[in-house]
Amino acid sequence: DGDLLRRVDFNIKGDDLIVFLHIQKTGGTTF
């Protein structure tokens, strides 16, 4: 539950990076 409910702050001005892992046939292109 802690993993699912944790809050993550994304700092766009810092060094944070979002890596999008596209899993096929799951709506990844739309997302």
PDB file of all heavy atoms in Angstrom:
ATOM      1  N   ASP A   1       0.829  -1.202   0.000  1.00  0.00           N
ATOM      2  CA  ASP A   1       0.000   0.000   0.000  1.00  0.00           C
ATOM      3  C   ASP A   1       0.863   1.252   0.000  1.00  0.00           C
ATOM      4  O   ASP A   1       0.531   2.249  -0.631  1.00  0.00           O
ATOM      5  CB  ASP A   1      -0.926   0.012   1.224  1.00  0.00           C
ATOM      6  CG  ASP A   1      -2.038  -1.027   1.102  1.00  0.00           C
ATOM      7  OD1 ASP A   1      -2.302  -1.473  -0.036  1.00  0.00           O
ATOM      8  OD2 ASP A   1      -2.631  -1.369   2.136  1.00  0.00           O
ATOM      9  N   GLY A   2       1.988   1.201   0.707  1.00  0.00           N
ATOM     10  CA  GLY A   2       2.901   2.343   0.732  1.00  0.00           C
ATOM     11  C   GLY A   2       3.462   2.665  -0.645  1.00  0.00           C
ATOM     12  O   GLY A   2       3.609   3.829  -1.018  1.00  0.00           O
ATOM     13  N   ASP A   3       3.776   1.604  -1.414  1.00  0.00           N
ATOM     14  CA  ASP A   3       4.265   1.816  -2.782  1.00  0.00           C
ATOM     15  C   ASP A   3       3.204   2.471  -3.651  1.00  0.00           C
ATOM     16  O   ASP A   3       3.497   3.365  -4.440  1.00  0.00           O
ATOM     17  CB  ASP A   3       4.674   0.491  -3.434  1.00  0.00           C
ATOM     18  CG  ASP A   3       5.939  -0.087  -2.842  1.00  0.00           C
ATOM     19  OD1 ASP A   3       6.735   0.689  -2.277  1.00  0.00           O
ATOM     20  OD2 ASP A   3       6.117  -1.312  -2.933  1.00  0.00           O
ATOM     21  N   LEU A   4       1.976   2.020  -3.516  1.00  0.00           N
ATOM     22  CA  LEU A   4       0.909   2.527  -4.371  1.00  0.00           C
ATOM     23  C   LEU A   4       0.452   3.930  -3.984  1.00  0.00           C
ATOM     24  O   LEU A   4      -0.022   4.682  -4.829  1.00  0.00           O
ATOM     25  CB  LEU A   4      -0.285   1.571  -4.347  1.00  0.00           C
ATOM     26  CG  LEU A   4      -0.026   0.182  -4.926  1.00  0.00           C
ATOM     27  CD1 LEU A   4      -1.227  -0.720  -4.688  1.00  0.00           C
ATOM     28  CD2 LEU A   4       0.301   0.269  -6.401  1.00  0.00           C
ATOM     29  N   LEU A   5       0.581   4.279  -2.724  1.00  0.00           N
ATOM     30  CA  LEU A   5       0.078   5.566  -2.253  1.00  0.00           C
ATOM     31  C   LEU A   5       1.157   6.625  -2.070  1.00  0.00           C
ATOM     32  O   LEU A   5       0.870   7.726  -1.619  1.00  0.00           O
ATOM     33  CB  LEU A   5      -0.680   5.377  -0.927  1.00  0.00           C
ATOM     34  CG  LEU A   5      -1.893   4.448  -1.005  1.00  0.00           C
ATOM     35  CD1 LEU A   5      -2.480   4.222   0.379  1.00  0.00           C
ATOM     36  CD2 LEU A   5      -2.935   5.005  -1.953  1.00  0.00           C
ATOM     37  N   ARG A   6       2.402   6.307  -2.428  1.00  0.00           N
ATOM     38  CA  ARG A   6       3.478   7.277  -2.220  1.00  0.00           C
ATOM     39  C   ARG A   6       3.330   8.466  -3.160  1.00  0.00           C
ATOM     40  O   ARG A   6       2.773   8.355  -4.249  1.00  0.00           O
ATOM     41  CB  ARG A   6       4.836   6.625  -2.394  1.00  0.00           C
ATOM     42  CG  ARG A   6       5.165   6.287  -3.816  1.00  0.00           C
ATOM     43  CD  ARG A   6       6.475   5.557  -3.918  1.00  0.00           C
ATOM     44  NE  ARG A   6       6.599   5.060  -5.277  1.00  0.00           N
ATOM     45  CZ  ARG A   6       7.696   5.092  -5.970  1.00  0.00           C
ATOM     46  NH1 ARG A   6       8.791   5.549  -5.428  1.00  0.00           N
ATOM     47  NH2 ARG A   6       7.724   4.640  -7.195  1.00  0.00           N
ATOM     48  N   ARG A   7       3.836   9.572  -2.723  1.00  0.00           N
ATOM     49  CA  ARG A   7       3.796  10.800  -3.519  1.00  0.00           C
ATOM     50  C   ARG A   7       5.196  11.060  -4.054  1.00  0.00           C
ATOM     51  O   ARG A   7       6.171  11.014  -3.311  1.00  0.00           O
ATOM     52  CB  ARG A   7       3.329  11.962  -2.651  1.00  0.00           C
ATOM     53  CG  ARG A   7       3.289  13.270  -3.371  1.00  0.00           C
ATOM     54  CD  ARG A   7       2.688  14.344  -2.482  1.00  0.00           C
ATOM     55  NE  ARG A   7       2.921  15.670  -2.989  1.00  0.00           N
ATOM     56  CZ  ARG A   7       2.257  16.237  -3.989  1.00  0.00           C
ATOM     57  NH1 ARG A   7       1.313  15.542  -4.590  1.00  0.00           N
ATOM     58  NH2 ARG A   7       2.529  17.457  -4.379  1.00  0.00           N
ATOM     59  N   VAL A   8       5.277  11.359  -5.327  1.00  0.00           N
ATOM     60  CA  VAL A   8       6.548  11.633  -5.965  1.00  0.00           C
ATOM     61  C   VAL A   8       6.485  13.047  -6.532  1.00  0.00           C
ATOM     62  O   VAL A   8       5.590  13.376  -7.299  1.00  0.00           O
ATOM     63  CB  VAL A   8       6.832  10.618  -7.097  1.00  0.00           C
ATOM     64  CG1 VAL A   8       8.131  10.936  -7.795  1.00  0.00           C
ATOM     65  CG2 VAL A   8       6.845   9.211  -6.546  1.00  0.00           C
ATOM     66  N   ASP A   9       7.421  13.869  -6.119  1.00  0.00           N
ATOM     67  CA  ASP A   9       7.493  15.230  -6.646  1.00  0.00           C
ATOM     68  C   ASP A   9       8.474  15.258  -7.805  1.00  0.00           C
ATOM     69  O   ASP A   9       9.633  14.869  -7.655  1.00  0.00           O
ATOM     70  CB  ASP A   9       7.943  16.204  -5.553  1.00  0.00           C
ATOM     71  CG  ASP A   9       6.892  16.362  -4.473  1.00  0.00           C
ATOM     72  OD1 ASP A   9       5.698  16.407  -4.824  1.00  0.00           O
ATOM     73  OD2 ASP A   9       7.261  16.424  -3.294  1.00  0.00           O
ATOM     74  N   PHE A  10       8.002  15.716  -8.962  1.00  0.00           N
ATOM     75  CA  PHE A  10       8.841  15.817 -10.146  1.00  0.00           C
ATOM     76  C   PHE A  10       9.362  17.242 -10.255  1.00  0.00           C
ATOM     77  O   PHE A  10       8.590  18.193 -10.303  1.00  0.00           O
ATOM     78  CB  PHE A  10       8.034  15.446 -11.396  1.00  0.00           C
ATOM     79  CG  PHE A  10       8.802  15.626 -12.671  1.00  0.00           C
ATOM     80  CD1 PHE A  10       9.860  14.784 -12.973  1.00  0.00           C
ATOM     81  CD2 PHE A  10       8.474  16.635 -13.554  1.00  0.00           C
ATOM     82  CE1 PHE A  10      10.574  14.950 -14.142  1.00  0.00           C
ATOM     83  CE2 PHE A  10       9.184  16.801 -14.725  1.00  0.00           C
ATOM     84  CZ  PHE A  10      10.228  15.958 -15.022  1.00  0.00           C
ATOM     85  N   ASN A  11      10.673  17.389 -10.271  1.00  0.00           N
ATOM     86  CA  ASN A  11      11.311  18.703 -10.371  1.00  0.00           C
ATOM     87  C   ASN A  11      11.769  18.913 -11.812  1.00  0.00           C
ATOM     88  O   ASN A  11      12.834  18.444 -12.204  1.00  0.00           O
ATOM     89  CB  ASN A  11      12.489  18.797  -9.395  1.00  0.00           C
ATOM     90  CG  ASN A  11      13.132  20.163  -9.399  1.00  0.00           C
ATOM     91  OD1 ASN A  11      12.658  21.087 -10.063  1.00  0.00           O
ATOM     92  ND2 ASN A  11      14.200  20.301  -8.647  1.00  0.00           N
ATOM     93  N   ILE A  12      10.974  19.638 -12.578  1.00  0.00           N
ATOM     94  CA  ILE A  12      11.295  19.862 -13.987  1.00  0.00           C
ATOM     95  C   ILE A  12      12.521  20.752 -14.150  1.00  0.00           C
ATOM     96  O   ILE A  12      13.225  20.671 -15.146  1.00  0.00           O
ATOM     97  CB  ILE A  12      10.083  20.444 -14.755  1.00  0.00           C
ATOM     98  CG1 ILE A  12      10.321  20.377 -16.267  1.00  0.00           C
ATOM     99  CG2 ILE A  12       9.803  21.871 -14.316  1.00  0.00           C
ATOM    100  CD1 ILE A  12       9.112  20.680 -17.102  1.00  0.00           C
ATOM    101  N   LYS A  13      12.803  21.595 -13.157  1.00  0.00           N
ATOM    102  CA  LYS A  13      13.954  22.502 -13.244  1.00  0.00           C
ATOM    103  C   LYS A  13      15.254  21.823 -12.817  1.00  0.00           C
ATOM    104  O   LYS A  13      16.330  22.305 -13.120  1.00  0.00           O
ATOM    105  CB  LYS A  13      13.721  23.739 -12.390  1.00  0.00           C
ATOM    106  CG  LYS A  13      12.608  24.622 -12.917  1.00  0.00           C
ATOM    107  CD  LYS A  13      12.415  25.833 -12.038  1.00  0.00           C
ATOM    108  CE  LYS A  13      11.295  26.702 -12.567  1.00  0.00           C
ATOM    109  NZ  LYS A  13      11.062  27.854 -11.711  1.00  0.00           N
ATOM    110  N   GLY A  14      15.150  20.709 -12.125  1.00  0.00           N
ATOM    111  CA  GLY A  14      16.348  20.005 -11.645  1.00  0.00           C
ATOM    112  C   GLY A  14      16.833  18.990 -12.654  1.00  0.00           C
ATOM    113  O   GLY A  14      16.832  19.231 -13.859  1.00  0.00           O
ATOM    114  N   ASP A  15      17.235  17.826 -12.134  1.00  0.00           N
ATOM    115  CA  ASP A  15      17.759  16.760 -12.985  1.00  0.00           C
ATOM    116  C   ASP A  15      16.788  15.594 -13.143  1.00  0.00           C
ATOM    117  O   ASP A  15      17.149  14.562 -13.688  1.00  0.00           O
ATOM    118  CB  ASP A  15      19.078  16.225 -12.404  1.00  0.00           C
ATOM    119  CG  ASP A  15      20.195  17.239 -12.519  1.00  0.00           C
ATOM    120  OD1 ASP A  15      20.229  17.950 -13.539  1.00  0.00           O
ATOM    121  OD2 ASP A  15      21.022  17.308 -11.596  1.00  0.00           O
ATOM    122  N   ASP A  16      15.559  15.750 -12.644  1.00  0.00           N
ATOM    123  CA  ASP A  16      14.595  14.657 -12.742  1.00  0.00           C
ATOM    124  C   ASP A  16      14.262  14.366 -14.203  1.00  0.00           C
ATOM    125  O   ASP A  16      14.185  15.271 -15.039  1.00  0.00           O
ATOM    126  CB  ASP A  16      13.309  15.001 -11.992  1.00  0.00           C
ATOM    127  CG  ASP A  16      13.513  15.048 -10.491  1.00  0.00           C
ATOM    128  OD1 ASP A  16      14.601  14.666 -10.031  1.00  0.00           O
ATOM    129  OD2 ASP A  16      12.586  15.470  -9.775  1.00  0.00           O
ATOM    130  N   LEU A  17      14.069  13.098 -14.485  1.00  0.00           N
ATOM    131  CA  LEU A  17      13.791  12.654 -15.841  1.00  0.00           C
ATOM    132  C   LEU A  17      12.664  11.631 -15.793  1.00  0.00           C
ATOM    133  O   LEU A  17      12.689  10.697 -14.993  1.00  0.00           O
ATOM    134  CB  LEU A  17      15.044  12.006 -16.448  1.00  0.00           C
ATOM    135  CG  LEU A  17      14.953  11.466 -17.862  1.00  0.00           C
ATOM    136  CD1 LEU A  17      14.824  12.610 -18.863  1.00  0.00           C
ATOM    137  CD2 LEU A  17      16.192  10.639 -18.178  1.00  0.00           C
ATOM    138  N   ILE A  18      11.662  11.812 -16.631  1.00  0.00           N
ATOM    139  CA  ILE A  18      10.602  10.817 -16.764  1.00  0.00           C
ATOM    140  C   ILE A  18      10.971   9.912 -17.931  1.00  0.00           C
ATOM    141  O   ILE A  18      11.205  10.383 -19.040  1.00  0.00           O
ATOM    142  CB  ILE A  18       9.229  11.476 -17.026  1.00  0.00           C
ATOM    143  CG1 ILE A  18       8.792  12.284 -15.812  1.00  0.00           C
ATOM    144  CG2 ILE A  18       8.188  10.418 -17.374  1.00  0.00           C
ATOM    145  CD1 ILE A  18       7.485  13.034 -16.005  1.00  0.00           C
ATOM    146  N   VAL A  19      11.049   8.621 -17.660  1.00  0.00           N
ATOM    147  CA  VAL A  19      11.331   7.633 -18.699  1.00  0.00           C
ATOM    148  C   VAL A  19      10.047   6.857 -18.926  1.00  0.00           C
ATOM    149  O   VAL A  19       9.531   6.211 -18.017  1.00  0.00           O
ATOM    150  CB  VAL A  19      12.471   6.676 -18.284  1.00  0.00           C
ATOM    151  CG1 VAL A  19      12.709   5.636 -19.366  1.00  0.00           C
ATOM    152  CG2 VAL A  19      13.740   7.453 -17.988  1.00  0.00           C
ATOM    153  N   PHE A  20       9.526   6.951 -20.138  1.00  0.00           N
ATOM    154  CA  PHE A  20       8.275   6.276 -20.476  1.00  0.00           C
ATOM    155  C   PHE A  20       8.579   4.931 -21.114  1.00  0.00           C
ATOM    156  O   PHE A  20       9.145   4.858 -22.190  1.00  0.00           O
ATOM    157  CB  PHE A  20       7.440   7.150 -21.419  1.00  0.00           C
ATOM    158  CG  PHE A  20       6.175   6.472 -21.871  1.00  0.00           C
ATOM    159  CD1 PHE A  20       5.225   6.059 -20.952  1.00  0.00           C
ATOM    160  CD2 PHE A  20       5.942   6.232 -23.203  1.00  0.00           C
ATOM    161  CE1 PHE A  20       4.070   5.427 -21.357  1.00  0.00           C
ATOM    162  CE2 PHE A  20       4.785   5.605 -23.622  1.00  0.00           C
ATOM    163  CZ  PHE A  20       3.851   5.201 -22.694  1.00  0.00           C
ATOM    164  N   LEU A  21       8.217   3.857 -20.430  1.00  0.00           N
ATOM    165  CA  LEU A  21       8.382   2.497 -20.929  1.00  0.00           C
ATOM    166  C   LEU A  21       7.092   2.102 -21.624  1.00  0.00           C
ATOM    167  O   LEU A  21       6.056   1.935 -20.989  1.00  0.00           O
ATOM    168  CB  LEU A  21       8.686   1.527 -19.786  1.00  0.00           C
ATOM    169  CG  LEU A  21       8.725   0.045 -20.133  1.00  0.00           C
ATOM    170  CD1 LEU A  21       9.821  -0.240 -21.136  1.00  0.00           C
ATOM    171  CD2 LEU A  21       8.934  -0.779 -18.879  1.00  0.00           C
ATOM    172  N   HIS A  22       7.138   1.982 -22.942  1.00  0.00           N
ATOM    173  CA  HIS A  22       5.959   1.670 -23.742  1.00  0.00           C
ATOM    174  C   HIS A  22       5.770   0.162 -23.806  1.00  0.00           C
ATOM    175  O   HIS A  22       6.579  -0.542 -24.402  1.00  0.00           O
ATOM    176  CB  HIS A  22       6.128   2.236 -25.154  1.00  0.00           C
ATOM    177  CG  HIS A  22       4.940   1.990 -26.033  1.00  0.00           C
ATOM    178  ND1 HIS A  22       4.870   2.469 -27.305  1.00  0.00           N
ATOM    179  CD2 HIS A  22       3.787   1.324 -25.845  1.00  0.00           C
ATOM    180  CE1 HIS A  22       3.725   2.104 -27.860  1.00  0.00           C
ATOM    181  NE2 HIS A  22       3.065   1.401 -26.986  1.00  0.00           N
ATOM    182  N   ILE A  23       4.713  -0.323 -23.188  1.00  0.00           N
ATOM    183  CA  ILE A  23       4.364  -1.735 -23.262  1.00  0.00           C
ATOM    184  C   ILE A  23       3.329  -1.878 -24.372  1.00  0.00           C
ATOM    185  O   ILE A  23       2.317  -1.190 -24.366  1.00  0.00           O
ATOM    186  CB  ILE A  23       3.808  -2.242 -21.913  1.00  0.00           C
ATOM    187  CG1 ILE A  23       4.866  -2.047 -20.828  1.00  0.00           C
ATOM    188  CG2 ILE A  23       3.377  -3.695 -22.021  1.00  0.00           C
ATOM    189  CD1 ILE A  23       4.368  -2.321 -19.438  1.00  0.00           C
ATOM    190  N   GLN A  24       3.598  -2.761 -25.307  1.00  0.00           N
ATOM    191  CA  GLN A  24       2.765  -2.890 -26.496  1.00  0.00           C
ATOM    192  C   GLN A  24       1.332  -3.291 -26.153  1.00  0.00           C
ATOM    193  O   GLN A  24       1.088  -4.037 -25.220  1.00  0.00           O
ATOM    194  CB  GLN A  24       3.365  -3.925 -27.436  1.00  0.00           C
ATOM    195  CG  GLN A  24       4.744  -3.554 -27.911  1.00  0.00           C
ATOM    196  CD  GLN A  24       5.355  -4.646 -28.752  1.00  0.00           C
ATOM    197  OE1 GLN A  24       4.702  -5.199 -29.614  1.00  0.00           O
ATOM    198  NE2 GLN A  24       6.609  -4.960 -28.495  1.00  0.00           N
ATOM    199  N   LYS A  25       0.413  -2.761 -26.935  1.00  0.00           N
ATOM    200  CA  LYS A  25      -1.021  -3.088 -26.870  1.00  0.00           C
ATOM    201  C   LYS A  25      -1.657  -2.735 -25.527  1.00  0.00           C
ATOM    202  O   LYS A  25      -2.560  -3.420 -25.047  1.00  0.00           O
ATOM    203  CB  LYS A  25      -1.262  -4.582 -27.171  1.00  0.00           C
ATOM    204  CG  LYS A  25      -0.698  -5.034 -28.495  1.00  0.00           C
ATOM    205  CD  LYS A  25      -1.375  -4.333 -29.627  1.00  0.00           C
ATOM    206  CE  LYS A  25      -0.807  -4.768 -30.957  1.00  0.00           C
ATOM    207  NZ  LYS A  25      -1.151  -3.853 -32.024  1.00  0.00           N
ATOM    208  N   THR A  26      -1.193  -1.664 -24.892  1.00  0.00           N
ATOM    209  CA  THR A  26      -1.771  -1.237 -23.615  1.00  0.00           C
ATOM    210  C   THR A  26      -2.203   0.217 -23.650  1.00  0.00           C
ATOM    211  O   THR A  26      -2.453   0.806 -22.602  1.00  0.00           O
ATOM    212  CB  THR A  26      -0.750  -1.413 -22.464  1.00  0.00           C
ATOM    213  OG1 THR A  26       0.392  -0.601 -22.761  1.00  0.00           O
ATOM    214  CG2 THR A  26      -0.355  -2.858 -22.289  1.00  0.00           C
ATOM    215  N   GLY A  27      -2.271   0.813 -24.825  1.00  0.00           N
ATOM    216  CA  GLY A  27      -2.628   2.221 -24.938  1.00  0.00           C
ATOM    217  C   GLY A  27      -1.430   3.139 -24.798  1.00  0.00           C
ATOM    218  O   GLY A  27      -1.577   4.331 -24.550  1.00  0.00           O
ATOM    219  N   GLY A  28      -0.230   2.598 -24.945  1.00  0.00           N
ATOM    220  CA  GLY A  28       0.994   3.362 -24.748  1.00  0.00           C
ATOM    221  C   GLY A  28       1.193   4.485 -25.743  1.00  0.00           C
ATOM    222  O   GLY A  28       1.706   5.545 -25.394  1.00  0.00           O
ATOM    223  N   THR A  29       0.787   4.294 -26.993  1.00  0.00           N
ATOM    224  CA  THR A  29       0.938   5.353 -27.987  1.00  0.00           C
ATOM    225  C   THR A  29       0.062   6.536 -27.620  1.00  0.00           C
ATOM    226  O   THR A  29       0.497   7.691 -27.653  1.00  0.00           O
ATOM    227  CB  THR A  29       0.579   4.828 -29.394  1.00  0.00           C
ATOM    228  OG1 THR A  29       1.455   3.748 -29.701  1.00  0.00           O
ATOM    229  CG2 THR A  29       0.715   5.910 -30.436  1.00  0.00           C
ATOM    230  N   THR A  30      -1.160   6.277 -27.223  1.00  0.00           N
ATOM    231  CA  THR A  30      -2.073   7.352 -26.817  1.00  0.00           C
ATOM    232  C   THR A  30      -1.540   8.056 -25.574  1.00  0.00           C
ATOM    233  O   THR A  30      -1.528   9.284 -25.508  1.00  0.00           O
ATOM    234  CB  THR A  30      -3.477   6.774 -26.537  1.00  0.00           C
ATOM    235  OG1 THR A  30      -3.938   6.126 -27.721  1.00  0.00           O
ATOM    236  CG2 THR A  30      -4.442   7.863 -26.121  1.00  0.00           C
ATOM    237  N   PHE A  31      -1.078   7.295 -24.598  1.00  0.00           N
ATOM    238  CA  PHE A  31      -0.547   7.905 -23.381  1.00  0.00           C
ATOM    239  C   PHE A  31       0.721   8.702 -23.663  1.00  0.00           C
ATOM    240  O   PHE A  31       0.922   9.786 -23.127  1.00  0.00           O
ATOM    241  CB  PHE A  31      -0.274   6.832 -22.321  1.00  0.00           C
ATOM    242  CG  PHE A  31       0.165   7.411 -21.011  1.00  0.00           C
ATOM    243  CD1 PHE A  31      -0.743   8.031 -20.178  1.00  0.00           C
ATOM    244  CD2 PHE A  31       1.490   7.357 -20.625  1.00  0.00           C
ATOM    245  CE1 PHE A  31      -0.342   8.577 -18.973  1.00  0.00           C
ATOM    246  CE2 PHE A  31       1.898   7.898 -19.426  1.00  0.00           C
ATOM    247  CZ  PHE A  31       0.978   8.507 -18.597  1.00  0.00           C
TER     248      PHE A  31
END
